[in-house]
Amino acid sequence: MTADDIFRRFEELGVLITNNHFVYASGRHGSAYVNKDALYPHTAAVRELCQSLAGAFVGHGIEAVAGPTVGGVILATWTAYLLSQAELRDVLACYAEERVGADGHKERYFGRGYDQLIRDRRVLIVEDVLNTGGSVKLVVDAVVRAGGTPVAVRALCNRGAVAAEDVGGVSVSALVDLALESWPADACPLCRRGVPVSPLVGKGARS
């Protein structure tokens, strides 16, 4: 799939919403939103996109694919399956859960015995949307703690210009790179024009 194909698919499924007024998790405002949750009910589209995620790593010796809960579970499973089909061998799928670490900060970890599946294996880390890279870096750190080798981060969409230095030095790639303009709440031109905040997605849905 080309980047244009993916953009069209995102718009068809309501993943990319434009020409509205949104409040992001950061508190900034913008006119476009990546609603990743709209993708997952459409299994044919998920498979097609994961084929593109997997295709870039056929022949790279990937032994396991890991993602963060929640959406990364689906992406990891499909991507591992498609790599297994392409390479005629078993590529494992695991996911990293969230908890509070000993230092009081959030971290990701491989529970349920998945840490043993990560150990001594080459791991591809998948994610749906990269914003700052902070969340996926926690998965990279979890792979290292479990004794695995993080080979790369591969995402559906990189909307924050996330690079290797943001995720612990692991290479980063995405099916599409998307720059969404945003503003601090007190400088939002949409607020000044009186455009109401969307109640459907983003922080507006929780206010």
N, C-alpha and C. Protein backbone atom coordinates (compact mmCIF):
# COMPACT_ATOMS: atom_id res chain seq x y z
N MET A 1 0.84 -1.20 0.00
CA MET A 1 0.00 0.00 0.00
C MET A 1 0.88 1.25 0.00
N THR A 2 0.52 2.23 -0.81
CA THR A 2 1.23 3.49 -0.79
C THR A 2 0.71 4.36 0.34
N ALA A 3 1.44 5.42 0.66
CA ALA A 3 0.98 6.35 1.70
C ALA A 3 -0.38 6.94 1.33
N ASP A 4 -0.60 7.24 0.04
CA ASP A 4 -1.89 7.79 -0.38
C ASP A 4 -3.01 6.78 -0.16
N ASP A 5 -2.73 5.50 -0.44
CA ASP A 5 -3.72 4.45 -0.20
C ASP A 5 -4.10 4.39 1.28
N ILE A 6 -3.09 4.51 2.14
CA ILE A 6 -3.33 4.42 3.58
C ILE A 6 -4.13 5.63 4.07
N PHE A 7 -3.80 6.82 3.58
CA PHE A 7 -4.56 8.00 3.95
C PHE A 7 -6.03 7.85 3.55
N ARG A 8 -6.26 7.33 2.34
CA ARG A 8 -7.64 7.13 1.88
C ARG A 8 -8.36 6.12 2.78
N ARG A 9 -7.67 5.05 3.14
CA ARG A 9 -8.28 4.05 4.00
C ARG A 9 -8.60 4.63 5.37
N PHE A 10 -7.67 5.42 5.90
CA PHE A 10 -7.90 6.06 7.21
C PHE A 10 -9.14 6.96 7.15
N GLU A 11 -9.28 7.71 6.07
CA GLU A 11 -10.43 8.62 5.96
C GLU A 11 -11.72 7.83 5.79
N GLU A 12 -11.70 6.75 4.99
CA GLU A 12 -12.89 5.92 4.78
C GLU A 12 -13.39 5.33 6.10
N LEU A 13 -12.46 4.91 6.95
CA LEU A 13 -12.82 4.22 8.20
C LEU A 13 -13.05 5.19 9.36
N GLY A 14 -12.82 6.47 9.14
CA GLY A 14 -12.97 7.44 10.21
C GLY A 14 -11.79 7.47 11.16
N VAL A 15 -10.66 6.95 10.73
CA VAL A 15 -9.46 6.99 11.55
C VAL A 15 -8.87 8.40 11.55
N LEU A 16 -8.84 9.03 10.39
CA LEU A 16 -8.36 10.40 10.28
C LEU A 16 -9.55 11.33 10.12
N ILE A 17 -9.75 12.18 11.12
CA ILE A 17 -10.87 13.12 11.12
C ILE A 17 -10.31 14.53 10.98
N THR A 18 -10.81 15.27 10.03
CA THR A 18 -10.30 16.61 9.78
C THR A 18 -11.43 17.64 9.85
N ASN A 19 -11.03 18.91 9.81
CA ASN A 19 -11.99 20.03 9.77
C ASN A 19 -12.94 20.02 10.95
N ASN A 20 -12.38 19.89 12.15
CA ASN A 20 -13.17 19.93 13.36
C ASN A 20 -12.32 20.58 14.44
N HIS A 21 -12.73 20.50 15.68
CA HIS A 21 -12.01 21.15 16.79
C HIS A 21 -11.82 20.10 17.88
N PHE A 22 -10.55 19.74 18.13
CA PHE A 22 -10.25 18.67 19.07
C PHE A 22 -9.32 19.16 20.17
N VAL A 23 -9.44 18.52 21.33
CA VAL A 23 -8.48 18.73 22.41
C VAL A 23 -7.71 17.43 22.58
N TYR A 24 -6.38 17.50 22.42
CA TYR A 24 -5.55 16.31 22.51
C TYR A 24 -5.21 15.98 23.96
N ALA A 25 -4.65 14.79 24.14
CA ALA A 25 -4.27 14.35 25.50
C ALA A 25 -3.30 15.32 26.15
N SER A 26 -2.48 15.98 25.33
CA SER A 26 -1.51 16.95 25.85
C SER A 26 -2.17 18.23 26.35
N GLY A 27 -3.45 18.44 25.99
CA GLY A 27 -4.14 19.68 26.32
C GLY A 27 -4.12 20.69 25.18
N ARG A 28 -3.29 20.45 24.15
CA ARG A 28 -3.26 21.33 23.00
C ARG A 28 -4.50 21.10 22.15
N HIS A 29 -4.82 22.09 21.31
CA HIS A 29 -5.99 22.02 20.45
C HIS A 29 -5.54 21.88 19.00
N GLY A 30 -6.41 21.28 18.17
CA GLY A 30 -6.11 21.15 16.76
C GLY A 30 -7.37 20.89 15.96
N SER A 31 -7.22 20.87 14.62
CA SER A 31 -8.38 20.70 13.74
C SER A 31 -8.46 19.30 13.15
N ALA A 32 -7.51 18.42 13.47
CA ALA A 32 -7.52 17.05 12.95
C ALA A 32 -7.20 16.08 14.08
N TYR A 33 -7.66 14.84 13.92
CA TYR A 33 -7.50 13.85 14.99
C TYR A 33 -7.31 12.47 14.37
N VAL A 34 -6.39 11.69 14.95
CA VAL A 34 -6.20 10.31 14.53
C VAL A 34 -6.93 9.42 15.52
N ASN A 35 -8.08 8.91 15.11
CA ASN A 35 -8.93 8.08 15.97
C ASN A 35 -8.60 6.61 15.72
N LYS A 36 -7.52 6.14 16.31
CA LYS A 36 -7.04 4.78 16.04
C LYS A 36 -8.05 3.71 16.41
N ASP A 37 -8.92 3.98 17.38
CA ASP A 37 -9.90 2.98 17.81
C ASP A 37 -10.91 2.65 16.71
N ALA A 38 -11.06 3.55 15.74
CA ALA A 38 -11.99 3.30 14.65
C ALA A 38 -11.48 2.23 13.69
N LEU A 39 -10.19 1.94 13.75
CA LEU A 39 -9.61 0.97 12.83
C LEU A 39 -9.90 -0.48 13.21
N TYR A 40 -9.77 -0.80 14.49
CA TYR A 40 -9.68 -2.20 14.91
C TYR A 40 -10.91 -3.06 14.65
N PRO A 41 -12.13 -2.52 14.59
CA PRO A 41 -13.26 -3.38 14.24
C PRO A 41 -13.21 -3.92 12.81
N HIS A 42 -12.39 -3.30 11.95
CA HIS A 42 -12.35 -3.65 10.52
C HIS A 42 -11.17 -4.60 10.28
N THR A 43 -11.41 -5.88 10.43
CA THR A 43 -10.31 -6.85 10.45
C THR A 43 -9.59 -6.95 9.10
N ALA A 44 -10.32 -6.80 8.00
CA ALA A 44 -9.65 -6.86 6.69
C ALA A 44 -8.67 -5.71 6.54
N ALA A 45 -9.08 -4.52 7.00
CA ALA A 45 -8.19 -3.36 6.91
C ALA A 45 -7.00 -3.53 7.84
N VAL A 46 -7.24 -4.07 9.04
CA VAL A 46 -6.12 -4.30 9.98
C VAL A 46 -5.12 -5.27 9.37
N ARG A 47 -5.64 -6.35 8.77
CA ARG A 47 -4.73 -7.33 8.15
C ARG A 47 -3.92 -6.68 7.03
N GLU A 48 -4.58 -5.88 6.22
CA GLU A 48 -3.89 -5.24 5.09
C GLU A 48 -2.79 -4.30 5.58
N LEU A 49 -3.07 -3.52 6.61
CA LEU A 49 -2.07 -2.61 7.15
C LEU A 49 -0.93 -3.37 7.82
N CYS A 50 -1.26 -4.44 8.52
CA CYS A 50 -0.21 -5.23 9.18
C CYS A 50 0.66 -5.95 8.16
N GLN A 51 0.09 -6.24 6.99
CA GLN A 51 0.90 -6.80 5.91
C GLN A 51 2.00 -5.81 5.52
N SER A 52 1.65 -4.53 5.52
CA SER A 52 2.65 -3.51 5.23
C SER A 52 3.65 -3.35 6.37
N LEU A 53 3.17 -3.47 7.62
CA LEU A 53 4.10 -3.43 8.75
C LEU A 53 5.10 -4.57 8.66
N ALA A 54 4.59 -5.76 8.39
CA ALA A 54 5.44 -6.95 8.36
C ALA A 54 6.37 -6.97 7.16
N GLY A 55 5.86 -6.49 6.02
CA GLY A 55 6.62 -6.61 4.77
C GLY A 55 8.00 -5.99 4.82
N ALA A 56 8.15 -4.92 5.56
CA ALA A 56 9.44 -4.23 5.64
C ALA A 56 10.47 -5.04 6.43
N PHE A 57 10.03 -6.09 7.15
CA PHE A 57 10.96 -6.83 8.00
C PHE A 57 11.08 -8.30 7.66
N VAL A 58 10.54 -8.69 6.51
CA VAL A 58 10.77 -10.05 6.04
C VAL A 58 12.26 -10.21 5.74
N GLY A 59 12.86 -11.27 6.26
CA GLY A 59 14.28 -11.50 6.05
C GLY A 59 15.19 -10.81 7.03
N HIS A 60 14.64 -10.16 8.06
CA HIS A 60 15.44 -9.46 9.05
C HIS A 60 15.65 -10.28 10.33
N GLY A 61 15.23 -11.51 10.31
CA GLY A 61 15.47 -12.38 11.46
C GLY A 61 14.63 -12.03 12.68
N ILE A 62 13.45 -11.45 12.47
CA ILE A 62 12.56 -11.14 13.59
C ILE A 62 12.04 -12.44 14.19
N GLU A 63 12.16 -12.57 15.50
CA GLU A 63 11.71 -13.79 16.18
C GLU A 63 10.46 -13.57 17.02
N ALA A 64 10.18 -12.33 17.37
CA ALA A 64 8.98 -12.00 18.13
C ALA A 64 8.55 -10.58 17.78
N VAL A 65 7.26 -10.35 17.88
CA VAL A 65 6.70 -9.02 17.67
C VAL A 65 5.97 -8.63 18.94
N ALA A 66 6.24 -7.43 19.44
CA ALA A 66 5.64 -6.97 20.70
C ALA A 66 4.98 -5.62 20.50
N GLY A 67 3.90 -5.41 21.24
CA GLY A 67 3.23 -4.12 21.22
C GLY A 67 2.70 -3.80 22.60
N PRO A 68 2.38 -2.55 22.84
CA PRO A 68 1.78 -2.17 24.12
C PRO A 68 0.29 -2.48 24.13
N THR A 69 -0.26 -2.74 25.31
CA THR A 69 -1.72 -2.81 25.41
C THR A 69 -2.27 -1.39 25.18
N VAL A 70 -3.36 -1.18 24.43
CA VAL A 70 -4.32 -2.20 24.06
C VAL A 70 -4.18 -2.51 22.56
N GLY A 71 -4.14 -1.46 21.74
CA GLY A 71 -4.13 -1.65 20.30
C GLY A 71 -2.93 -2.44 19.80
N GLY A 72 -1.81 -2.31 20.49
CA GLY A 72 -0.60 -3.01 20.07
C GLY A 72 -0.73 -4.52 20.15
N VAL A 73 -1.68 -5.02 20.95
CA VAL A 73 -1.90 -6.46 21.03
C VAL A 73 -2.39 -6.98 19.68
N ILE A 74 -3.34 -6.27 19.10
CA ILE A 74 -3.90 -6.67 17.80
C ILE A 74 -2.84 -6.57 16.71
N LEU A 75 -2.11 -5.45 16.69
CA LEU A 75 -1.08 -5.25 15.67
C LEU A 75 0.02 -6.29 15.79
N ALA A 76 0.45 -6.59 17.01
CA ALA A 76 1.51 -7.57 17.21
C ALA A 76 1.08 -8.95 16.72
N THR A 77 -0.15 -9.33 17.02
CA THR A 77 -0.63 -10.66 16.62
C THR A 77 -0.69 -10.79 15.11
N TRP A 78 -1.30 -9.82 14.44
CA TRP A 78 -1.39 -9.88 12.99
C TRP A 78 -0.01 -9.82 12.33
N THR A 79 0.83 -8.92 12.81
CA THR A 79 2.15 -8.76 12.19
C THR A 79 2.99 -10.01 12.36
N ALA A 80 2.96 -10.61 13.55
CA ALA A 80 3.70 -11.86 13.78
C ALA A 80 3.16 -12.97 12.89
N TYR A 81 1.85 -13.05 12.76
CA TYR A 81 1.24 -14.09 11.92
C TYR A 81 1.69 -13.93 10.47
N LEU A 82 1.66 -12.70 9.97
CA LEU A 82 2.02 -12.47 8.57
C LEU A 82 3.51 -12.67 8.32
N LEU A 83 4.35 -12.33 9.30
CA LEU A 83 5.78 -12.65 9.18
C LEU A 83 5.98 -14.16 9.18
N SER A 84 5.23 -14.86 10.02
CA SER A 84 5.33 -16.33 10.06
C SER A 84 4.96 -16.93 8.70
N GLN A 85 3.89 -16.41 8.10
CA GLN A 85 3.46 -16.91 6.79
C GLN A 85 4.51 -16.62 5.72
N ALA A 86 5.10 -15.44 5.78
CA ALA A 86 6.08 -15.06 4.76
C ALA A 86 7.37 -15.85 4.87
N GLU A 87 7.77 -16.18 6.09
CA GLU A 87 9.06 -16.81 6.31
C GLU A 87 8.95 -18.31 6.61
N LEU A 88 7.73 -18.83 6.66
CA LEU A 88 7.49 -20.26 6.89
C LEU A 88 8.15 -20.75 8.18
N ARG A 89 8.03 -19.94 9.22
CA ARG A 89 8.52 -20.30 10.55
C ARG A 89 7.68 -19.56 11.58
N ASP A 90 7.80 -19.97 12.83
CA ASP A 90 6.97 -19.39 13.87
C ASP A 90 7.58 -18.10 14.41
N VAL A 91 6.89 -17.00 14.21
CA VAL A 91 7.26 -15.72 14.82
C VAL A 91 6.25 -15.45 15.93
N LEU A 92 6.73 -15.23 17.14
CA LEU A 92 5.87 -15.10 18.31
C LEU A 92 5.27 -13.70 18.43
N ALA A 93 4.13 -13.61 19.11
CA ALA A 93 3.50 -12.32 19.40
C ALA A 93 3.32 -12.18 20.90
N CYS A 94 3.72 -11.03 21.43
CA CYS A 94 3.61 -10.75 22.87
C CYS A 94 3.12 -9.32 23.06
N TYR A 95 2.73 -9.01 24.28
CA TYR A 95 2.35 -7.63 24.57
C TYR A 95 2.87 -7.20 25.93
N ALA A 96 3.10 -5.91 26.05
CA ALA A 96 3.65 -5.32 27.27
C ALA A 96 2.56 -4.55 27.99
N GLU A 97 2.35 -4.89 29.26
CA GLU A 97 1.34 -4.24 30.08
C GLU A 97 1.96 -3.07 30.85
N GLU A 98 1.09 -2.26 31.42
CA GLU A 98 1.54 -1.07 32.15
C GLU A 98 1.42 -1.29 33.65
N ARG A 99 2.38 -0.74 34.39
CA ARG A 99 2.34 -0.76 35.85
C ARG A 99 3.17 0.40 36.37
N VAL A 100 3.11 0.61 37.67
CA VAL A 100 3.95 1.62 38.31
C VAL A 100 5.22 0.92 38.79
N GLY A 101 6.36 1.43 38.37
CA GLY A 101 7.63 0.83 38.73
C GLY A 101 8.07 1.18 40.14
N ALA A 102 9.19 0.62 40.54
CA ALA A 102 9.72 0.85 41.89
C ALA A 102 10.03 2.32 42.14
N ASP A 103 10.32 3.06 41.08
CA ASP A 103 10.64 4.48 41.23
C ASP A 103 9.39 5.37 41.24
N GLY A 104 8.20 4.74 41.16
CA GLY A 104 6.96 5.50 41.19
C GLY A 104 6.49 5.98 39.83
N HIS A 105 7.24 5.69 38.79
CA HIS A 105 6.86 6.11 37.44
C HIS A 105 6.27 4.94 36.66
N LYS A 106 5.50 5.27 35.63
CA LYS A 106 4.92 4.24 34.78
C LYS A 106 6.02 3.49 34.04
N GLU A 107 5.80 2.18 33.87
CA GLU A 107 6.69 1.38 33.04
C GLU A 107 5.86 0.30 32.35
N ARG A 108 6.46 -0.33 31.36
CA ARG A 108 5.85 -1.47 30.70
C ARG A 108 6.62 -2.73 31.08
N TYR A 109 5.91 -3.85 31.11
CA TYR A 109 6.58 -5.12 31.46
C TYR A 109 5.88 -6.26 30.74
N PHE A 110 6.61 -7.35 30.58
CA PHE A 110 6.07 -8.55 29.97
C PHE A 110 5.72 -9.54 31.07
N GLY A 111 4.44 -9.67 31.35
CA GLY A 111 3.96 -10.62 32.35
C GLY A 111 3.47 -11.89 31.68
N ARG A 112 2.77 -12.72 32.45
CA ARG A 112 2.13 -13.94 31.93
C ARG A 112 3.12 -14.90 31.30
N GLY A 113 4.39 -14.80 31.67
CA GLY A 113 5.42 -15.65 31.09
C GLY A 113 5.96 -15.16 29.77
N TYR A 114 5.46 -14.02 29.28
CA TYR A 114 5.93 -13.50 28.00
C TYR A 114 7.38 -13.04 28.05
N ASP A 115 7.86 -12.69 29.25
CA ASP A 115 9.26 -12.29 29.35
C ASP A 115 10.19 -13.41 28.90
N GLN A 116 9.80 -14.66 29.15
CA GLN A 116 10.61 -15.79 28.72
C GLN A 116 10.57 -15.98 27.20
N LEU A 117 9.50 -15.52 26.59
CA LEU A 117 9.42 -15.60 25.12
C LEU A 117 10.23 -14.50 24.45
N ILE A 118 10.45 -13.41 25.17
CA ILE A 118 11.24 -12.30 24.65
C ILE A 118 12.73 -12.56 24.79
N ARG A 119 13.12 -13.23 25.86
CA ARG A 119 14.53 -13.42 26.18
C ARG A 119 15.31 -14.04 25.01
N ASP A 120 16.45 -13.41 24.69
CA ASP A 120 17.37 -13.90 23.66
C ASP A 120 16.76 -13.91 22.26
N ARG A 121 15.69 -13.13 22.06
CA ARG A 121 15.08 -13.07 20.73
C ARG A 121 15.17 -11.66 20.16
N ARG A 122 15.18 -11.60 18.83
CA ARG A 122 15.15 -10.33 18.10
C ARG A 122 13.69 -9.89 17.97
N VAL A 123 13.41 -8.69 18.47
CA VAL A 123 12.02 -8.26 18.65
C VAL A 123 11.71 -7.02 17.81
N LEU A 124 10.62 -7.10 17.06
CA LEU A 124 10.07 -5.94 16.36
C LEU A 124 8.95 -5.38 17.24
N ILE A 125 8.97 -4.08 17.49
CA ILE A 125 7.96 -3.44 18.33
C ILE A 125 7.02 -2.66 17.42
N VAL A 126 5.71 -2.92 17.58
CA VAL A 126 4.72 -2.26 16.73
C VAL A 126 3.80 -1.38 17.57
N GLU A 127 3.32 -0.32 16.94
CA GLU A 127 2.44 0.64 17.61
C GLU A 127 1.51 1.23 16.56
N ASP A 128 0.35 1.73 17.01
CA ASP A 128 -0.56 2.34 16.04
C ASP A 128 -0.15 3.78 15.73
N VAL A 129 -0.17 4.66 16.73
CA VAL A 129 0.16 6.07 16.49
C VAL A 129 1.29 6.51 17.42
N LEU A 130 2.31 7.11 16.85
CA LEU A 130 3.41 7.68 17.61
C LEU A 130 3.15 9.17 17.78
N ASN A 131 3.07 9.62 19.02
CA ASN A 131 2.88 11.04 19.30
C ASN A 131 4.18 11.68 19.79
N THR A 132 4.67 11.24 20.93
CA THR A 132 5.96 11.72 21.46
C THR A 132 7.01 10.62 21.48
N GLY A 133 6.57 9.37 21.36
CA GLY A 133 7.49 8.24 21.46
C GLY A 133 7.65 7.72 22.87
N GLY A 134 7.09 8.43 23.85
CA GLY A 134 7.27 8.04 25.24
C GLY A 134 6.71 6.67 25.56
N SER A 135 5.52 6.38 25.07
CA SER A 135 4.88 5.09 25.36
C SER A 135 5.64 3.92 24.74
N VAL A 136 6.04 4.10 23.49
CA VAL A 136 6.72 2.98 22.83
C VAL A 136 8.13 2.79 23.39
N LYS A 137 8.74 3.86 23.89
CA LYS A 137 10.05 3.69 24.53
C LYS A 137 9.95 2.79 25.75
N LEU A 138 8.81 2.86 26.47
CA LEU A 138 8.63 1.97 27.61
C LEU A 138 8.61 0.51 27.18
N VAL A 139 8.09 0.25 25.98
CA VAL A 139 8.11 -1.12 25.46
C VAL A 139 9.53 -1.53 25.08
N VAL A 140 10.26 -0.61 24.46
CA VAL A 140 11.68 -0.88 24.15
C VAL A 140 12.44 -1.23 25.43
N ASP A 141 12.22 -0.43 26.48
CA ASP A 141 12.89 -0.68 27.76
C ASP A 141 12.50 -2.04 28.33
N ALA A 142 11.22 -2.40 28.18
CA ALA A 142 10.75 -3.69 28.70
C ALA A 142 11.39 -4.85 27.96
N VAL A 143 11.58 -4.70 26.65
CA VAL A 143 12.25 -5.75 25.86
C VAL A 143 13.67 -5.94 26.36
N VAL A 144 14.37 -4.84 26.59
CA VAL A 144 15.75 -4.92 27.07
C VAL A 144 15.81 -5.57 28.44
N ARG A 145 14.91 -5.17 29.35
CA ARG A 145 14.90 -5.76 30.70
C ARG A 145 14.63 -7.27 30.65
N ALA A 146 13.82 -7.68 29.68
CA ALA A 146 13.50 -9.10 29.56
C ALA A 146 14.59 -9.90 28.85
N GLY A 147 15.65 -9.22 28.42
CA GLY A 147 16.76 -9.91 27.78
C GLY A 147 16.63 -10.09 26.29
N GLY A 148 15.69 -9.35 25.67
CA GLY A 148 15.54 -9.40 24.22
C GLY A 148 16.32 -8.29 23.54
N THR A 149 16.35 -8.36 22.22
CA THR A 149 17.03 -7.33 21.41
C THR A 149 15.99 -6.57 20.60
N PRO A 150 15.73 -5.30 20.95
CA PRO A 150 14.78 -4.51 20.15
C PRO A 150 15.41 -4.12 18.81
N VAL A 151 14.85 -4.65 17.74
CA VAL A 151 15.42 -4.43 16.41
C VAL A 151 14.94 -3.11 15.82
N ALA A 152 13.64 -2.82 15.97
CA ALA A 152 13.08 -1.61 15.37
C ALA A 152 11.71 -1.35 15.96
N VAL A 153 11.26 -0.11 15.79
CA VAL A 153 9.88 0.29 16.07
C VAL A 153 9.21 0.56 14.73
N ARG A 154 8.04 -0.03 14.55
CA ARG A 154 7.29 0.14 13.30
C ARG A 154 5.87 0.54 13.66
N ALA A 155 5.37 1.63 13.09
CA ALA A 155 4.06 2.15 13.46
C ALA A 155 3.18 2.36 12.23
N LEU A 156 1.89 2.42 12.48
CA LEU A 156 0.97 2.78 11.40
C LEU A 156 1.15 4.24 11.02
N CYS A 157 1.25 5.10 12.04
CA CYS A 157 1.27 6.55 11.80
C CYS A 157 2.23 7.22 12.77
N ASN A 158 3.11 8.04 12.25
CA ASN A 158 4.01 8.85 13.07
C ASN A 158 3.56 10.29 12.94
N ARG A 159 2.85 10.79 13.95
CA ARG A 159 2.32 12.15 13.87
C ARG A 159 3.10 13.13 14.72
N GLY A 160 4.21 12.64 15.34
CA GLY A 160 5.00 13.52 16.18
C GLY A 160 6.46 13.62 15.77
N ALA A 161 6.77 13.22 14.51
CA ALA A 161 8.15 13.23 14.03
C ALA A 161 9.07 12.49 15.00
N VAL A 162 8.56 11.39 15.57
CA VAL A 162 9.34 10.59 16.51
C VAL A 162 10.49 9.93 15.78
N ALA A 163 11.69 10.00 16.37
CA ALA A 163 12.90 9.45 15.77
C ALA A 163 13.58 8.51 16.74
N ALA A 164 14.66 7.88 16.27
CA ALA A 164 15.35 6.87 17.06
C ALA A 164 15.77 7.40 18.43
N GLU A 165 16.22 8.64 18.49
CA GLU A 165 16.70 9.18 19.77
C GLU A 165 15.57 9.33 20.79
N ASP A 166 14.33 9.30 20.33
CA ASP A 166 13.19 9.42 21.24
C ASP A 166 12.79 8.09 21.87
N VAL A 167 13.28 7.00 21.31
CA VAL A 167 12.85 5.67 21.76
C VAL A 167 14.03 4.79 22.16
N GLY A 168 15.11 5.43 22.60
CA GLY A 168 16.24 4.64 23.09
C GLY A 168 17.21 4.19 22.03
N GLY A 169 17.22 4.86 20.88
CA GLY A 169 18.21 4.54 19.86
C GLY A 169 17.81 3.46 18.88
N VAL A 170 16.57 2.99 18.97
CA VAL A 170 16.08 1.96 18.04
C VAL A 170 15.49 2.65 16.80
N SER A 171 15.73 2.08 15.62
CA SER A 171 15.24 2.72 14.40
C SER A 171 13.71 2.78 14.41
N VAL A 172 13.18 3.85 13.84
CA VAL A 172 11.73 4.11 13.82
C VAL A 172 11.28 4.30 12.38
N SER A 173 10.18 3.63 12.03
CA SER A 173 9.57 3.85 10.72
C SER A 173 8.06 3.73 10.87
N ALA A 174 7.33 4.30 9.92
CA ALA A 174 5.87 4.27 9.96
C ALA A 174 5.33 4.17 8.54
N LEU A 175 4.11 3.66 8.43
CA LEU A 175 3.49 3.59 7.12
C LEU A 175 3.21 4.98 6.58
N VAL A 176 2.81 5.91 7.48
CA VAL A 176 2.60 7.29 7.06
C VAL A 176 3.16 8.22 8.12
N ASP A 177 3.69 9.34 7.68
CA ASP A 177 4.11 10.42 8.57
C ASP A 177 3.10 11.55 8.40
N LEU A 178 2.58 12.00 9.53
CA LEU A 178 1.50 12.96 9.49
C LEU A 178 1.80 14.12 10.43
N ALA A 179 1.83 15.32 9.89
CA ALA A 179 2.05 16.51 10.71
C ALA A 179 0.71 17.20 10.95
N LEU A 180 0.27 17.20 12.20
CA LEU A 180 -0.99 17.85 12.56
C LEU A 180 -0.69 19.13 13.33
N GLU A 181 -1.15 20.26 12.79
CA GLU A 181 -0.92 21.53 13.46
C GLU A 181 -1.73 21.58 14.75
N SER A 182 -1.11 22.11 15.80
CA SER A 182 -1.82 22.25 17.07
C SER A 182 -1.39 23.54 17.75
N TRP A 183 -2.20 23.96 18.74
CA TRP A 183 -1.95 25.23 19.42
C TRP A 183 -2.20 25.06 20.91
N PRO A 184 -1.52 25.86 21.75
CA PRO A 184 -1.90 25.90 23.17
C PRO A 184 -3.35 26.35 23.30
N ALA A 185 -4.02 25.89 24.34
CA ALA A 185 -5.44 26.22 24.51
C ALA A 185 -5.69 27.72 24.49
N ASP A 186 -4.78 28.51 25.09
CA ASP A 186 -5.01 29.95 25.17
C ASP A 186 -4.65 30.69 23.88
N ALA A 187 -4.17 29.95 22.87
CA ALA A 187 -3.84 30.58 21.60
C ALA A 187 -4.56 29.90 20.44
N CYS A 188 -5.61 29.14 20.74
CA CYS A 188 -6.31 28.36 19.72
C CYS A 188 -7.20 29.26 18.86
N PRO A 189 -6.96 29.31 17.55
CA PRO A 189 -7.80 30.16 16.69
C PRO A 189 -9.23 29.62 16.57
N LEU A 190 -9.41 28.30 16.75
CA LEU A 190 -10.75 27.73 16.69
C LEU A 190 -11.59 28.19 17.88
N CYS A 191 -10.95 28.26 19.05
CA CYS A 191 -11.64 28.80 20.23
C CYS A 191 -12.04 30.25 20.01
N ARG A 192 -11.12 31.02 19.43
CA ARG A 192 -11.40 32.44 19.21
C ARG A 192 -12.58 32.64 18.27
N ARG A 193 -12.73 31.69 17.32
CA ARG A 193 -13.84 31.80 16.37
C ARG A 193 -15.12 31.18 16.92
N GLY A 194 -15.03 30.60 18.12
CA GLY A 194 -16.23 30.02 18.72
C GLY A 194 -16.60 28.65 18.20
N VAL A 195 -15.65 27.96 17.55
CA VAL A 195 -15.93 26.60 17.05
C VAL A 195 -15.98 25.65 18.25
N PRO A 196 -17.07 24.93 18.45
CA PRO A 196 -17.17 24.06 19.62
C PRO A 196 -16.21 22.89 19.54
N VAL A 197 -15.74 22.44 20.71
CA VAL A 197 -14.86 21.27 20.79
C VAL A 197 -15.67 20.01 20.51
N SER A 198 -15.12 19.12 19.69
CA SER A 198 -15.83 17.87 19.36
C SER A 198 -16.04 17.04 20.63
N PRO A 199 -17.25 16.56 20.86
CA PRO A 199 -17.52 15.70 22.00
C PRO A 199 -17.31 14.23 21.69
N LEU A 200 -16.86 13.91 20.47
CA LEU A 200 -16.79 12.52 20.03
C LEU A 200 -15.49 11.83 20.40
N VAL A 201 -14.37 12.51 20.25
CA VAL A 201 -13.07 11.91 20.51
C VAL A 201 -12.17 12.92 21.21
N GLY A 202 -11.05 12.45 21.74
CA GLY A 202 -10.13 13.33 22.43
C GLY A 202 -10.64 13.69 23.81
N LYS A 203 -10.02 14.68 24.42
CA LYS A 203 -10.41 15.08 25.77
C LYS A 203 -11.80 15.71 25.79
N GLY A 204 -12.25 16.20 24.65
CA GLY A 204 -13.60 16.74 24.59
C GLY A 204 -14.66 15.70 24.86
N ALA A 205 -14.34 14.45 24.58
CA ALA A 205 -15.30 13.37 24.82
C ALA A 205 -15.42 13.05 26.29
N ARG A 206 -14.45 13.51 27.10
CA ARG A 206 -14.44 13.18 28.52
C ARG A 206 -14.81 14.38 29.38
N SER A 207 -15.03 15.53 28.75
CA SER A 207 -15.32 16.73 29.55
C SER A 207 -16.81 16.93 29.74
